[in-house]
């Protein structure tokens, strides 16, 4: 054999060896199209974008199943679904965290009732001086009105001043009464949430 022929054979052999791994490693894609025809290709099959297709190894083993490609609307719907699921997971995690904090603060119904009574009593202590001031001003107003005939002009000015003070004290008392209602509503809501948590803690122990 001449040198050129031996060189050509060597080059051919080297090219064949170099190509062999890529040929052996080539995946096969297969699917059944909308018309019921079995299609096969060395790359994902466009005709089957709307349906499942399978990627096979050179030996015929299923490597993976490829789902149908989603349209922009379908992809947006899937993303919205994932967002809603993530938000719900976050909300539930925050609820569980709040429950742990609440149960730690009020481990028993007695502890919760005691704190409720303490907070309401504190507001009552604040209201007390204002209520006494209202009673005192009301008494002064009645006395002035009884003596109004002596100096009507002066009495009218004094009554107007008392009325301003009364209005201020009554607004203050009304605000505190609203605060008491907020405390009652909050503790009622907490109690509703705590009852099952207390029961769960009892069962756990």
C-alpha atoms as a PDB file:
ATOM      1  CA  UNK A   1       0.000   0.000   0.000  1.00  0.00           C
ATOM      2  CA  UNK A   2       1.324   3.398  -0.975  1.00  0.00           C
ATOM      3  CA  UNK A   3       1.922   6.120   1.568  1.00  0.00           C
ATOM      4  CA  UNK A   4      -0.939   8.329   0.293  1.00  0.00           C
ATOM      5  CA  UNK A   5      -3.409   5.451   0.569  1.00  0.00           C
ATOM      6  CA  UNK A   6      -2.232   4.586   4.078  1.00  0.00           C
ATOM      7  CA  UNK A   7      -2.533   8.284   5.035  1.00  0.00           C
ATOM      8  CA  UNK A   8      -6.081   8.494   3.679  1.00  0.00           C
ATOM      9  CA  UNK A   9      -7.080   5.365   5.590  1.00  0.00           C
ATOM     10  CA  UNK A  10      -5.601   6.761   8.788  1.00  0.00           C
ATOM     11  CA  UNK A  11      -7.451  10.063   8.374  1.00  0.00           C
ATOM     12  CA  UNK A  12     -10.715   8.222   7.721  1.00  0.00           C
ATOM     13  CA  UNK A  13     -10.243   6.091  10.811  1.00  0.00           C
ATOM     14  CA  UNK A  14      -9.512   9.122  12.978  1.00  0.00           C
ATOM     15  CA  UNK A  15     -12.607  10.936  11.705  1.00  0.00           C
ATOM     16  CA  UNK A  16     -14.748   7.864  12.358  1.00  0.00           C
ATOM     17  CA  UNK A  17     -13.416   7.548  15.908  1.00  0.00           C
ATOM     18  CA  UNK A  18     -14.013  11.250  16.557  1.00  0.00           C
ATOM     19  CA  UNK A  19     -17.571  11.046  15.295  1.00  0.00           C
ATOM     20  CA  UNK A  20     -18.477   7.833  17.082  1.00  0.00           C
ATOM     21  CA  UNK A  21     -19.190   9.301  20.565  1.00  0.00           C
ATOM     22  CA  UNK A  22     -21.481  12.001  19.202  1.00  0.00           C
ATOM     23  CA  UNK A  23     -23.354   9.489  17.099  1.00  0.00           C
ATOM     24  CA  UNK A  24     -23.709   7.082  19.997  1.00  0.00           C
ATOM     25  CA  UNK A  25     -24.758   9.854  22.348  1.00  0.00           C
ATOM     26  CA  UNK A  26     -27.397  11.243  19.997  1.00  0.00           C
ATOM     27  CA  UNK A  27     -30.849  11.428  21.650  1.00  0.00           C
ATOM     28  CA  UNK A  28     -33.990  10.422  19.793  1.00  0.00           C
ATOM     29  CA  UNK A  29     -37.266  12.289  20.093  1.00  0.00           C
ATOM     30  CA  UNK A  30     -40.555  10.607  19.361  1.00  0.00           C
ATOM     31  CA  UNK A  31     -44.242  11.470  19.540  1.00  0.00           C
ATOM     32  CA  UNK A  32     -47.614  10.889  17.940  1.00  0.00           C
ATOM     33  CA  UNK A  33     -48.848  13.966  16.074  1.00  0.00           C
ATOM     34  CA  UNK A  34     -52.419  15.278  15.807  1.00  0.00           C
ATOM     35  CA  UNK A  35     -53.084  12.962  12.860  1.00  0.00           C
ATOM     36  CA  UNK A  36     -51.996   9.884  14.787  1.00  0.00           C
ATOM     37  CA  UNK A  37     -48.657   9.522  13.001  1.00  0.00           C
ATOM     38  CA  UNK A  38     -45.613   8.390  14.946  1.00  0.00           C
ATOM     39  CA  UNK A  39     -42.806  10.906  14.369  1.00  0.00           C
ATOM     40  CA  UNK A  40     -39.134  10.486  15.226  1.00  0.00           C
ATOM     41  CA  UNK A  41     -36.302  13.001  15.096  1.00  0.00           C
ATOM     42  CA  UNK A  42     -32.873  13.781  16.523  1.00  0.00           C
ATOM     43  CA  UNK A  43     -34.267  17.025  18.018  1.00  0.00           C
ATOM     44  CA  UNK A  44     -37.532  18.152  19.649  1.00  0.00           C
ATOM     45  CA  UNK A  45     -40.359  17.796  17.141  1.00  0.00           C
ATOM     46  CA  UNK A  46     -42.173  21.013  16.227  1.00  0.00           C
ATOM     47  CA  UNK A  47     -45.305  19.161  15.119  1.00  0.00           C
ATOM     48  CA  UNK A  48     -45.697  17.892  18.693  1.00  0.00           C
ATOM     49  CA  UNK A  49     -45.301  21.197  20.536  1.00  0.00           C
ATOM     50  CA  UNK A  50     -48.961  20.899  21.568  1.00  0.00           C
ATOM     51  CA  UNK A  51     -48.561  17.410  23.069  1.00  0.00           C
ATOM     52  CA  UNK A  52     -46.181  15.246  25.037  1.00  0.00           C
ATOM     53  CA  UNK A  53     -43.110  13.843  23.365  1.00  0.00           C
ATOM     54  CA  UNK A  54     -40.403  11.577  24.707  1.00  0.00           C
ATOM     55  CA  UNK A  55     -36.643  11.822  24.594  1.00  0.00           C
ATOM     56  CA  UNK A  56     -35.041   8.404  24.164  1.00  0.00           C
ATOM     57  CA  UNK A  57     -31.484   7.293  24.690  1.00  0.00           C
ATOM     58  CA  UNK A  58     -29.687   5.646  21.752  1.00  0.00           C
ATOM     59  CA  UNK A  59     -30.585   2.342  23.387  1.00  0.00           C
ATOM     60  CA  UNK A  60     -34.283   3.201  23.354  1.00  0.00           C
ATOM     61  CA  UNK A  61     -34.660   3.977  27.087  1.00  0.00           C
ATOM     62  CA  UNK A  62     -36.948   6.899  27.986  1.00  0.00           C
ATOM     63  CA  UNK A  63     -34.734   9.721  29.258  1.00  0.00           C
ATOM     64  CA  UNK A  64     -37.553  12.163  29.970  1.00  0.00           C
ATOM     65  CA  UNK A  65     -41.013  13.212  28.901  1.00  0.00           C
ATOM     66  CA  UNK A  66     -41.383  16.705  27.496  1.00  0.00           C
ATOM     67  CA  UNK A  67     -44.733  18.340  28.147  1.00  0.00           C
ATOM     68  CA  UNK A  68     -46.545  20.433  25.554  1.00  0.00           C
ATOM     69  CA  UNK A  69     -45.208  23.964  25.126  1.00  0.00           C
ATOM     70  CA  UNK A  70     -47.398  26.574  26.785  1.00  0.00           C
ATOM     71  CA  UNK A  71     -48.871  29.543  25.014  1.00  0.00           C
ATOM     72  CA  UNK A  72     -48.149  33.023  26.442  1.00  0.00           C
ATOM     73  CA  UNK A  73     -51.584  33.038  28.088  1.00  0.00           C
ATOM     74  CA  UNK A  74     -51.054  29.578  29.573  1.00  0.00           C
ATOM     75  CA  UNK A  75     -47.613  30.561  30.841  1.00  0.00           C
ATOM     76  CA  UNK A  76     -49.037  33.734  32.401  1.00  0.00           C
ATOM     77  CA  UNK A  77     -51.774  31.679  34.072  1.00  0.00           C
ATOM     78  CA  UNK A  78     -49.208  29.259  35.470  1.00  0.00           C
ATOM     79  CA  UNK A  79     -47.081  32.128  36.772  1.00  0.00           C
ATOM     80  CA  UNK A  80     -50.136  33.716  38.421  1.00  0.00           C
ATOM     81  CA  UNK A  81     -51.036  30.379  39.988  1.00  0.00           C
ATOM     82  CA  UNK A  82     -47.501  30.018  41.346  1.00  0.00           C
ATOM     83  CA  UNK A  83     -47.620  33.590  42.696  1.00  0.00           C
ATOM     84  CA  UNK A  84     -50.904  32.960  44.498  1.00  0.00           C
ATOM     85  CA  UNK A  85     -49.575  29.735  46.001  1.00  0.00           C
ATOM     86  CA  UNK A  86     -46.448  31.535  47.217  1.00  0.00           C
ATOM     87  CA  UNK A  87     -48.552  34.322  48.741  1.00  0.00           C
ATOM     88  CA  UNK A  88     -50.784  31.803  50.510  1.00  0.00           C
ATOM     89  CA  UNK A  89     -47.750  29.945  51.859  1.00  0.00           C
ATOM     90  CA  UNK A  90     -46.365  33.244  53.152  1.00  0.00           C
ATOM     91  CA  UNK A  91     -49.700  34.174  54.737  1.00  0.00           C
ATOM     92  CA  UNK A  92     -49.947  30.826  56.491  1.00  0.00           C
ATOM     93  CA  UNK A  93     -46.364  31.112  57.739  1.00  0.00           C
ATOM     94  CA  UNK A  94     -47.100  34.589  59.139  1.00  0.00           C
ATOM     95  CA  UNK A  95     -50.283  33.284  60.790  1.00  0.00           C
ATOM     96  CA  UNK A  96     -48.370  30.446  62.441  1.00  0.00           C
ATOM     97  CA  UNK A  97     -45.760  32.931  63.659  1.00  0.00           C
ATOM     98  CA  UNK A  98     -48.430  35.227  65.133  1.00  0.00           C
ATOM     99  CA  UNK A  99     -50.079  32.240  66.800  1.00  0.00           C
ATOM    100  CA  UNK A 100     -46.804  31.212  68.445  1.00  0.00           C
ATOM    101  CA  UNK A 101     -46.258  34.753  69.736  1.00  0.00           C
ATOM    102  CA  UNK A 102     -49.850  34.953  71.005  1.00  0.00           C
ATOM    103  CA  UNK A 103     -49.660  31.591  72.758  1.00  0.00           C
ATOM    104  CA  UNK A 104     -46.342  32.501  74.347  1.00  0.00           C
ATOM    105  CA  UNK A 105     -47.811  35.753  75.674  1.00  0.00           C
ATOM    106  CA  UNK A 106     -51.054  34.145  76.884  1.00  0.00           C
ATOM    107  CA  UNK A 107     -50.356  30.476  77.637  1.00  0.00           C
ATOM    108  CA  UNK A 108     -53.674  30.109  79.507  1.00  0.00           C
ATOM    109  CA  UNK A 109     -57.156  31.626  79.463  1.00  0.00           C
ATOM    110  CA  UNK A 110     -56.543  33.015  82.951  1.00  0.00           C
ATOM    111  CA  UNK A 111     -53.508  34.953  81.709  1.00  0.00           C
ATOM    112  CA  UNK A 112     -55.531  36.389  78.837  1.00  0.00           C
ATOM    113  CA  UNK A 113     -58.466  37.362  81.074  1.00  0.00           C
ATOM    114  CA  UNK A 114     -56.104  39.032  83.546  1.00  0.00           C
ATOM    115  CA  UNK A 115     -54.449  41.145  80.840  1.00  0.00           C
ATOM    116  CA  UNK A 116     -57.849  42.145  79.441  1.00  0.00           C
ATOM    117  CA  UNK A 117     -59.045  43.272  82.875  1.00  0.00           C
ATOM    118  CA  UNK A 118     -55.797  45.166  83.509  1.00  0.00           C
ATOM    119  CA  UNK A 119     -56.013  47.127  80.277  1.00  0.00           C
ATOM    120  CA  UNK A 120     -59.672  48.017  80.774  1.00  0.00           C
ATOM    121  CA  UNK A 121     -58.988  49.081  84.364  1.00  0.00           C
ATOM    122  CA  UNK A 122     -56.151  51.318  83.162  1.00  0.00           C
ATOM    123  CA  UNK A 123     -58.519  53.147  80.817  1.00  0.00           C
ATOM    124  CA  UNK A 124     -61.065  53.520  83.618  1.00  0.00           C
ATOM    125  CA  UNK A 125     -58.367  55.115  85.788  1.00  0.00           C
ATOM    126  CA  UNK A 126     -57.703  57.623  83.015  1.00  0.00           C
ATOM    127  CA  UNK A 127     -61.427  58.362  82.615  1.00  0.00           C
ATOM    128  CA  UNK A 128     -61.951  58.859  86.360  1.00  0.00           C
ATOM    129  CA  UNK A 129     -60.456  62.371  86.756  1.00  0.00           C
ATOM    130  CA  UNK A 130     -62.180  63.572  83.592  1.00  0.00           C
ATOM    131  CA  UNK A 131     -65.547  62.299  84.830  1.00  0.00           C
ATOM    132  CA  UNK A 132     -65.059  64.078  88.148  1.00  0.00           C
ATOM    133  CA  UNK A 133     -64.143  67.254  86.283  1.00  0.00           C
ATOM    134  CA  UNK A 134     -67.338  66.975  84.243  1.00  0.00           C
ATOM    135  CA  UNK A 135     -69.399  66.599  87.423  1.00  0.00           C
ATOM    136  CA  UNK A 136     -67.681  69.619  89.012  1.00  0.00           C
ATOM    137  CA  UNK A 137     -68.147  71.803  85.935  1.00  0.00           C
ATOM    138  CA  UNK A 138     -71.777  70.766  85.642  1.00  0.00           C
ATOM    139  CA  UNK A 139     -72.337  71.827  89.253  1.00  0.00           C
ATOM    140  CA  UNK A 140     -70.677  75.192  88.637  1.00  0.00           C
ATOM    141  CA  UNK A 141     -72.819  75.727  85.562  1.00  0.00           C
ATOM    142  CA  UNK A 142     -76.041  75.083  87.462  1.00  0.00           C
ATOM    143  CA  UNK A 143     -75.002  77.483  90.225  1.00  0.00           C
ATOM    144  CA  UNK A 144     -74.172  80.214  87.711  1.00  0.00           C
ATOM    145  CA  UNK A 145     -77.497  79.791  85.977  1.00  0.00           C
ATOM    146  CA  UNK A 146     -79.265  80.056  89.314  1.00  0.00           C
ATOM    147  CA  UNK A 147     -77.545  83.392  89.977  1.00  0.00           C
ATOM    148  CA  UNK A 148     -77.793  84.669  86.402  1.00  0.00           C
ATOM    149  CA  UNK A 149     -80.191  87.459  87.333  1.00  0.00           C
ATOM    150  CA  UNK A 150     -77.493  89.243  89.347  1.00  0.00           C
ATOM    151  CA  UNK A 151     -75.152  89.786  86.386  1.00  0.00           C
ATOM    152  CA  UNK A 152     -76.508  88.278  83.142  1.00  0.00           C
ATOM    153  CA  UNK A 153     -73.604  89.399  80.923  1.00  0.00           C
ATOM    154  CA  UNK A 154     -70.891  88.068  83.205  1.00  0.00           C
ATOM    155  CA  UNK A 155     -72.836  84.880  83.877  1.00  0.00           C
ATOM    156  CA  UNK A 156     -73.273  84.244  80.145  1.00  0.00           C
ATOM    157  CA  UNK A 157     -69.497  84.510  79.571  1.00  0.00           C
ATOM    158  CA  UNK A 158     -68.738  82.212  82.517  1.00  0.00           C
ATOM    159  CA  UNK A 159     -71.278  79.624  81.333  1.00  0.00           C
ATOM    160  CA  UNK A 160     -69.781  79.722  77.826  1.00  0.00           C
ATOM    161  CA  UNK A 161     -66.308  79.071  79.271  1.00  0.00           C
ATOM    162  CA  UNK A 162     -67.634  76.155  81.327  1.00  0.00           C
ATOM    163  CA  UNK A 163     -69.371  74.751  78.245  1.00  0.00           C
ATOM    164  CA  UNK A 164     -66.066  74.801  76.358  1.00  0.00           C
ATOM    165  CA  UNK A 165     -64.361  72.925  79.211  1.00  0.00           C
ATOM    166  CA  UNK A 166     -67.216  70.454  79.415  1.00  0.00           C
ATOM    167  CA  UNK A 167     -67.049  69.782  75.666  1.00  0.00           C
ATOM    168  CA  UNK A 168     -63.301  69.165  75.896  1.00  0.00           C
ATOM    169  CA  UNK A 169     -63.656  66.741  78.812  1.00  0.00           C
ATOM    170  CA  UNK A 170     -66.562  64.940  77.157  1.00  0.00           C
ATOM    171  CA  UNK A 171     -64.550  64.465  73.941  1.00  0.00           C
ATOM    172  CA  UNK A 172     -61.685  63.067  76.012  1.00  0.00           C
ATOM    173  CA  UNK A 173     -64.026  60.645  77.796  1.00  0.00           C
ATOM    174  CA  UNK A 174     -65.598  59.590  74.491  1.00  0.00           C
ATOM    175  CA  UNK A 175     -62.158  58.828  73.056  1.00  0.00           C
ATOM    176  CA  UNK A 176     -61.299  56.711  76.094  1.00  0.00           C
ATOM    177  CA  UNK A 177     -64.594  54.851  75.841  1.00  0.00           C
ATOM    178  CA  UNK A 178     -63.735  54.128  72.187  1.00  0.00           C
ATOM    179  CA  UNK A 179     -60.367  52.823  73.342  1.00  0.00           C
ATOM    180  CA  UNK A 180     -62.144  50.489  75.762  1.00  0.00           C
ATOM    181  CA  UNK A 181     -64.243  49.158  72.888  1.00  0.00           C
ATOM    182  CA  UNK A 182     -61.120  48.587  70.797  1.00  0.00           C
ATOM    183  CA  UNK A 183     -59.569  46.657  73.687  1.00  0.00           C
ATOM    184  CA  UNK A 184     -62.709  44.528  74.055  1.00  0.00           C
ATOM    185  CA  UNK A 185     -62.860  43.778  70.313  1.00  0.00           C
ATOM    186  CA  UNK A 186     -59.150  42.897  70.205  1.00  0.00           C
ATOM    187  CA  UNK A 187     -59.300  40.593  73.198  1.00  0.00           C
ATOM    188  CA  UNK A 188     -62.454  38.906  71.868  1.00  0.00           C
ATOM    189  CA  UNK A 189     -60.704  38.230  68.547  1.00  0.00           C
ATOM    190  CA  UNK A 190     -57.606  36.965  70.355  1.00  0.00           C
ATOM    191  CA  UNK A 191     -59.713  34.683  72.524  1.00  0.00           C
ATOM    192  CA  UNK A 192     -61.394  33.195  69.464  1.00  0.00           C
ATOM    193  CA  UNK A 193     -57.967  32.423  68.019  1.00  0.00           C
ATOM    194  CA  UNK A 194     -56.486  31.247  71.310  1.00  0.00           C
ATOM    195  CA  UNK A 195     -59.175  28.715  72.260  1.00  0.00           C
ATOM    196  CA  UNK A 196     -58.039  26.088  69.678  1.00  0.00           C
ATOM    197  CA  UNK A 197     -54.396  26.903  70.426  1.00  0.00           C
ATOM    198  CA  UNK A 198     -54.948  26.292  74.149  1.00  0.00           C
ATOM    199  CA  UNK A 199     -56.681  23.005  73.370  1.00  0.00           C
ATOM    200  CA  UNK A 200     -53.831  21.982  71.081  1.00  0.00           C
ATOM    201  CA  UNK A 201     -51.290  22.801  73.766  1.00  0.00           C
ATOM    202  CA  UNK A 202     -53.232  20.698  76.303  1.00  0.00           C
ATOM    203  CA  UNK A 203     -53.319  17.736  73.932  1.00  0.00           C
ATOM    204  CA  UNK A 204     -49.581  18.087  73.249  1.00  0.00           C
ATOM    205  CA  UNK A 205     -48.872  17.859  76.970  1.00  0.00           C
END
